[in-house]
Amino acid sequence: ATEAGGENSDEDGDASHEPKVKLKKTQLREDLKQYRMEQVENNKPVYTVFTNAALDGIYASLPTTPAELLEVKGIGPKKAEMFGDDILAIVSKYVSSDRMRGGSDDDNSS
């Protein structure tokens, strides 16, 4: 009984309890780290792509527009131009379409 109720039921259960997040948000952190690893060239350190603080900022704020991405500490115009579309695409998998459409309303509260 323990095997059947283990990891498989956990995946399905969490998604239905949190309507704003399509996938587990913890997976977003892993996806961002994986993306960062894929962007590293010539054995450069991963922080030359994004620092951990920048990844944490993306994870915390869930930017859905280029303007929101630029508000994340550690993301400047160059990083946004180089990686922005990919980062926003990754984040969009974890954010509901309602938040993406109404995201500008949240700008005033923060």
Protein backbone atom coordinates (compact mmCIF):
# COMPACT_ATOMS: atom_id res chain seq x y z
CA ALA A 1 0.00 0.00 0.00
CA THR A 2 2.90 2.35 0.72
CA GLU A 3 4.26 1.97 -2.82
CA ALA A 4 0.98 2.90 -4.50
CA GLY A 5 0.43 5.97 -2.31
CA GLY A 6 4.00 7.22 -2.55
CA GLU A 7 5.36 9.56 -5.17
CA ASN A 8 2.74 9.10 -7.90
CA SER A 9 -0.25 10.25 -5.87
CA ASP A 10 1.79 13.22 -4.58
CA GLU A 11 2.24 14.61 -8.11
CA ASP A 12 -1.45 14.54 -8.92
CA GLY A 13 -2.61 15.71 -5.49
CA ASP A 14 -0.60 18.93 -5.22
CA ALA A 15 -1.56 20.24 -8.65
CA SER A 16 -5.29 20.10 -7.89
CA HIS A 17 -4.93 21.90 -4.53
CA GLU A 18 -3.16 24.93 -5.99
CA PRO A 19 -5.16 26.33 -8.90
CA LYS A 20 -2.73 29.21 -9.55
CA VAL A 21 0.25 26.92 -10.14
CA LYS A 22 0.00 24.38 -12.94
CA LEU A 23 3.07 22.38 -11.90
CA LYS A 24 4.89 22.10 -8.60
CA LYS A 25 6.74 25.34 -7.97
CA THR A 26 9.68 23.39 -6.54
CA GLN A 27 10.15 21.94 -10.02
CA LEU A 28 10.52 25.49 -11.36
CA ARG A 29 13.72 25.93 -9.36
CA GLU A 30 15.10 22.72 -10.87
CA ASP A 31 14.07 23.79 -14.38
CA LEU A 32 15.78 27.16 -13.93
CA LYS A 33 18.97 25.51 -12.69
CA GLN A 34 18.88 23.03 -15.57
CA TYR A 35 18.43 25.88 -18.06
CA ARG A 36 21.34 27.74 -16.49
CA MET A 37 23.55 24.66 -16.84
CA GLU A 38 22.58 24.32 -20.50
CA GLN A 39 23.61 27.93 -21.21
CA VAL A 40 27.12 27.64 -19.75
CA GLU A 41 29.84 27.70 -22.42
CA ASN A 42 33.52 26.80 -22.32
CA ASN A 43 33.47 25.49 -18.75
CA LYS A 44 32.57 28.90 -17.33
CA PRO A 45 31.00 28.95 -13.85
CA VAL A 46 27.18 28.77 -13.86
CA TYR A 47 26.91 32.12 -12.08
CA THR A 48 28.13 33.81 -15.27
CA VAL A 49 24.71 32.98 -16.72
CA PHE A 50 22.60 33.73 -13.61
CA THR A 51 23.57 34.04 -9.97
CA ASN A 52 21.71 32.01 -7.37
CA ALA A 53 20.18 35.29 -6.19
CA ALA A 54 18.82 35.95 -9.68
CA LEU A 55 17.34 32.43 -9.83
CA ASP A 56 15.81 32.97 -6.39
CA GLY A 57 14.34 36.27 -7.59
CA ILE A 58 12.78 34.62 -10.63
CA TYR A 59 11.45 31.83 -8.43
CA ALA A 60 9.98 34.28 -5.92
CA SER A 61 8.43 36.80 -8.32
CA LEU A 62 7.39 34.54 -11.22
CA PRO A 63 7.82 37.23 -13.90
CA THR A 64 5.53 36.88 -16.91
CA THR A 65 6.64 39.91 -18.93
CA PRO A 66 10.05 41.29 -19.95
CA ALA A 67 9.42 44.34 -17.74
CA GLU A 68 8.78 42.11 -14.70
CA LEU A 69 11.90 40.09 -15.50
CA LEU A 70 14.00 43.26 -15.52
CA GLU A 71 12.78 44.01 -11.98
CA VAL A 72 14.51 40.86 -10.71
CA LYS A 73 17.82 41.64 -9.01
CA GLY A 74 20.65 40.28 -11.15
CA ILE A 75 18.72 40.52 -14.43
CA GLY A 76 19.78 43.46 -16.53
CA PRO A 77 19.02 44.39 -20.13
CA LYS A 78 21.76 42.13 -21.52
CA LYS A 79 20.66 39.04 -19.58
CA ALA A 80 17.03 39.80 -20.40
CA GLU A 81 17.86 40.06 -24.10
CA MET A 82 19.96 36.89 -24.11
CA PHE A 83 17.81 34.66 -21.91
CA GLY A 84 14.53 36.50 -21.27
CA ASP A 85 12.27 34.70 -23.73
CA ASP A 86 13.47 31.31 -22.49
CA ILE A 87 13.09 32.24 -18.81
CA LEU A 88 9.59 33.63 -19.36
CA ALA A 89 8.63 30.45 -21.24
CA ILE A 90 9.89 28.30 -18.36
CA VAL A 91 8.06 30.41 -15.77
CA SER A 92 4.84 30.43 -17.82
CA LYS A 93 4.53 26.66 -17.30
CA TYR A 94 4.15 27.32 -13.58
CA VAL A 95 1.83 30.33 -13.67
CA SER A 96 -1.87 30.25 -14.48
CA SER A 97 -3.12 32.07 -17.56
CA ASP A 98 -5.23 34.29 -15.23
CA ARG A 99 -2.10 35.63 -13.55
CA MET A 100 -0.43 36.22 -16.90
CA ARG A 101 -3.39 38.23 -18.20
CA GLY A 102 -3.88 40.18 -14.97
CA GLY A 103 -0.22 40.46 -13.95
CA SER A 104 -0.08 44.23 -14.37
CA ASP A 105 -2.59 44.67 -11.53
CA ASP A 106 -0.02 43.18 -9.13
CA ASP A 107 2.62 45.81 -9.98
CA ASN A 108 1.00 48.50 -7.81
CA SER A 109 0.88 46.35 -4.69
CA SER A 110 4.61 45.57 -4.54
